[in-house]
Amino acid sequence: MKIFGPLYERAMKWAAHERAPTYLTVLSFVEAIIFPVMPEVMLAPMCVAQPKRGWWFATLSLAGSMAGALVGYALGHFAFEAIKPLFAALGMLPSIEGGIAIVQEKMAESPWAVFTFLVLGGFMPIPMKVFTWASGIVGVPMPQYVLSMLIGRGKRVYVLAAVIRIGGARAEAALRRWIEPLGWIATALVVLLIGWLVWRAKFA
């Protein structure tokens, strides 16, 4: 069953829309708080469609993500208990609680151990909301938190823009060819990660 190929083709059409930069910024903002679809899904085809504007698109995505990261942190810090039933209904509570357990462990070591963990986490295809909420709940110091989110998400979006800018049509052809297996592999990795976080939270 093909899912990611058709989604990619639809995203390519969205990328050509005159308001695509606004949509990308809003998607990046909301994804950092609660939305399940990562902004790279839209950023990639936008960079393919207009490679010379790739750096600008990456900057917009990063700006939206950083604004969302601050909101996600604040909500995690002040409103997690009130919103916990919503996360449970969305099936996101296990991953959030698993992230909390790991961030707490790193906090016990030092604030800079948390910084390293969050930076590395920002490189991985893991929903950003897991880190934003967990950091707010645990109370990660703001300087380490903001810097780690900036580096982690910034590297992802700028590397993506660079690869497409350099690769051009070849990068687009490769992405189109491999989007289906890569989509399923990424989905499997996220499922395994959530399972590991749940196990770690309960038994580690």
Protein backbone atom coordinates (compact mmCIF):
# COMPACT_ATOMS: atom_id res chain seq x y z
CA MET A 1 0.00 0.00 0.00
CA LYS A 2 1.50 3.31 -1.10
CA ILE A 3 1.02 6.19 1.34
CA PHE A 4 4.10 8.39 1.33
CA GLY A 5 4.40 8.69 -2.45
CA PRO A 6 0.94 10.28 -2.86
CA LEU A 7 1.60 12.50 0.18
CA TYR A 8 4.84 13.67 -1.40
CA GLU A 9 3.09 14.50 -4.67
CA ARG A 10 0.46 16.49 -2.77
CA ALA A 11 3.16 18.30 -0.79
CA MET A 12 4.82 19.26 -4.09
CA LYS A 13 1.56 20.95 -5.13
CA TRP A 14 1.35 22.75 -1.79
CA ALA A 15 4.95 23.88 -2.21
CA ALA A 16 4.03 25.72 -5.40
CA HIS A 17 1.23 27.67 -3.68
CA GLU A 18 1.84 31.40 -3.29
CA ARG A 19 1.24 31.10 0.47
CA ALA A 20 3.49 28.07 0.89
CA PRO A 21 6.09 29.95 3.02
CA THR A 22 3.33 30.96 5.45
CA TYR A 23 1.98 27.41 5.59
CA LEU A 24 5.48 26.07 6.25
CA THR A 25 6.07 28.52 9.11
CA VAL A 26 2.72 27.72 10.70
CA LEU A 27 3.29 23.96 10.30
CA SER A 28 6.72 24.26 11.94
CA PHE A 29 5.21 26.24 14.82
CA VAL A 30 2.33 23.84 15.47
CA GLU A 31 4.49 20.72 15.06
CA ALA A 32 6.71 21.84 17.93
CA ILE A 33 3.64 21.89 20.18
CA ILE A 34 1.26 19.12 19.17
CA PHE A 35 0.95 18.42 15.40
CA PRO A 36 2.27 14.95 14.33
CA VAL A 37 3.62 15.83 10.85
CA MET A 38 7.20 17.12 10.77
CA PRO A 39 7.80 20.28 8.69
CA GLU A 40 10.50 18.61 6.59
CA VAL A 41 7.65 16.91 4.70
CA MET A 42 6.74 20.32 3.27
CA LEU A 43 10.19 21.94 3.39
CA ALA A 44 11.76 19.32 1.11
CA PRO A 45 9.43 19.75 -1.87
CA MET A 46 9.52 23.53 -1.45
CA CYS A 47 13.32 23.46 -1.73
CA VAL A 48 13.02 21.17 -4.75
CA ALA A 49 10.50 23.46 -6.44
CA GLN A 50 12.54 26.63 -5.72
CA PRO A 51 16.11 25.57 -4.81
CA LYS A 52 17.48 29.14 -4.85
CA ARG A 53 15.10 30.05 -2.02
CA GLY A 54 15.91 26.92 0.01
CA TRP A 55 17.90 28.79 2.67
CA TRP A 56 15.04 31.24 3.17
CA PHE A 57 12.51 28.42 3.48
CA ALA A 58 14.77 26.67 6.02
CA THR A 59 15.03 29.91 8.02
CA LEU A 60 11.24 30.31 8.06
CA SER A 61 10.84 26.72 9.24
CA LEU A 62 13.44 27.23 11.96
CA ALA A 63 11.78 30.47 13.12
CA GLY A 64 8.40 28.75 13.35
CA SER A 65 9.90 25.81 15.21
CA MET A 66 11.67 28.04 17.73
CA ALA A 67 8.50 30.00 18.46
CA GLY A 68 6.63 26.73 18.89
CA ALA A 69 9.41 25.38 21.11
CA LEU A 70 8.94 28.27 23.53
CA VAL A 71 5.17 27.73 23.62
CA GLY A 72 5.60 23.97 24.05
CA TYR A 73 8.04 24.55 26.91
CA ALA A 74 5.64 26.96 28.63
CA LEU A 75 2.70 24.59 28.24
CA GLY A 76 4.76 21.69 29.56
CA HIS A 77 5.88 23.75 32.53
CA PHE A 78 2.52 25.23 33.47
CA ALA A 79 -0.25 23.11 31.97
CA PHE A 80 0.89 19.50 31.51
CA GLU A 81 -1.41 17.99 34.14
CA ALA A 82 -4.43 19.80 32.72
CA ILE A 83 -3.69 18.72 29.14
CA LYS A 84 -2.54 15.17 29.94
CA PRO A 85 -5.95 13.62 28.99
CA LEU A 86 -5.62 15.21 25.52
CA PHE A 87 -2.21 13.63 24.99
CA ALA A 88 -3.61 10.30 26.15
CA ALA A 89 -6.46 10.56 23.65
CA LEU A 90 -4.00 11.35 20.85
CA GLY A 91 -1.79 8.40 21.81
CA MET A 92 1.13 10.73 22.53
CA LEU A 93 1.29 10.36 26.33
CA PRO A 94 3.68 7.35 26.40
CA SER A 95 6.30 9.13 24.27
CA ILE A 96 5.99 12.33 26.33
CA GLU A 97 6.35 10.45 29.62
CA GLY A 98 9.29 8.50 28.23
CA GLY A 99 10.94 11.75 27.19
CA ILE A 100 10.34 13.17 30.68
CA ALA A 101 12.10 10.20 32.27
CA ILE A 102 15.17 10.62 30.08
CA VAL A 103 15.35 14.41 30.51
CA GLN A 104 15.06 13.97 34.28
CA GLU A 105 17.94 11.50 34.19
CA LYS A 106 20.10 13.93 32.22
CA MET A 107 19.12 16.80 34.52
CA ALA A 108 20.41 14.78 37.46
CA GLU A 109 23.80 14.68 35.74
CA SER A 110 24.03 18.38 34.79
CA PRO A 111 22.18 21.04 32.75
CA TRP A 112 24.80 20.66 30.01
CA ALA A 113 24.18 16.92 29.83
CA VAL A 114 20.59 17.83 29.00
CA PHE A 115 21.87 20.28 26.39
CA THR A 116 23.88 17.52 24.66
CA PHE A 117 20.93 15.14 24.75
CA LEU A 118 18.53 17.70 23.28
CA VAL A 119 20.97 18.68 20.53
CA LEU A 120 21.42 15.05 19.51
CA GLY A 121 17.66 14.53 19.73
CA GLY A 122 17.13 17.45 17.39
CA PHE A 123 19.07 15.63 14.68
CA MET A 124 16.81 12.59 14.82
CA PRO A 125 13.44 12.11 13.07
CA ILE A 126 11.62 12.39 16.39
CA PRO A 127 8.63 14.73 16.83
CA MET A 128 9.94 17.97 18.34
CA LYS A 129 7.01 18.17 20.76
CA VAL A 130 8.45 15.24 22.76
CA PHE A 131 11.45 17.38 23.67
CA THR A 132 9.63 20.70 24.10
CA TRP A 133 7.02 19.37 26.52
CA ALA A 134 9.45 17.15 28.42
CA SER A 135 11.90 20.04 28.83
CA GLY A 136 9.19 22.35 30.17
CA ILE A 137 7.86 19.75 32.57
CA VAL A 138 11.29 18.98 33.99
CA GLY A 139 12.37 22.64 33.98
CA VAL A 140 15.46 22.54 31.77
CA PRO A 141 17.32 25.88 32.15
CA MET A 142 16.22 28.25 29.39
CA PRO A 143 19.70 29.08 27.95
CA GLN A 144 20.56 25.40 27.41
CA TYR A 145 17.07 24.68 26.12
CA VAL A 146 16.92 27.48 23.53
CA LEU A 147 20.47 26.85 22.30
CA SER A 148 19.89 23.10 21.97
CA MET A 149 16.64 23.57 20.04
CA LEU A 150 18.30 26.14 17.76
CA ILE A 151 21.24 23.86 16.94
CA GLY A 152 19.27 20.63 16.72
CA ARG A 153 16.44 21.81 14.49
CA GLY A 154 18.64 24.32 12.63
CA LYS A 155 21.03 21.66 11.45
CA ARG A 156 18.19 19.50 10.17
CA VAL A 157 16.52 22.17 8.05
CA TYR A 158 19.72 23.74 6.69
CA VAL A 159 21.30 20.39 5.83
CA LEU A 160 18.12 19.44 3.99
CA ALA A 161 18.17 22.73 2.04
CA ALA A 162 21.87 22.27 1.24
CA VAL A 163 21.46 18.70 0.00
CA ILE A 164 18.66 19.70 -2.35
CA ARG A 165 20.49 22.86 -3.48
CA ILE A 166 23.60 20.88 -4.35
CA GLY A 167 21.85 17.81 -5.69
CA GLY A 168 19.23 19.68 -7.73
CA ALA A 169 17.21 17.50 -10.06
CA ARG A 170 19.13 14.39 -8.99
CA ALA A 171 18.18 14.94 -5.36
CA GLU A 172 14.55 15.39 -6.33
CA ALA A 173 14.61 12.22 -8.46
CA ALA A 174 16.22 10.23 -5.64
CA LEU A 175 13.73 11.57 -3.11
CA ARG A 176 10.81 10.70 -5.39
CA ARG A 177 12.20 7.21 -5.98
CA TRP A 178 12.89 6.36 -2.34
CA ILE A 179 10.13 8.29 -0.56
CA GLU A 180 7.94 5.22 0.00
CA PRO A 181 10.53 2.90 1.63
CA LEU A 182 12.09 5.81 3.54
CA GLY A 183 8.67 6.80 4.87
CA TRP A 184 7.98 3.31 6.17
CA ILE A 185 11.46 3.02 7.67
CA ALA A 186 11.04 6.34 9.49
CA THR A 187 7.62 5.24 10.76
CA ALA A 188 9.06 1.97 12.07
CA LEU A 189 11.89 3.82 13.82
CA VAL A 190 9.43 6.17 15.56
CA VAL A 191 7.29 3.21 16.69
CA LEU A 192 10.38 1.45 18.06
CA LEU A 193 11.51 4.63 19.80
CA ILE A 194 8.14 5.10 21.50
CA GLY A 195 8.19 1.48 22.62
CA TRP A 196 11.68 1.91 24.04
CA LEU A 197 10.72 5.12 25.85
CA VAL A 198 7.66 3.45 27.39
CA TRP A 199 9.76 0.46 28.50
CA ARG A 200 12.46 2.74 29.92
CA ALA A 201 9.92 4.83 31.84
CA LYS A 202 8.35 1.73 33.43
CA PHE A 203 11.27 -0.61 34.04
CA ALA A 204 14.58 1.23 33.83
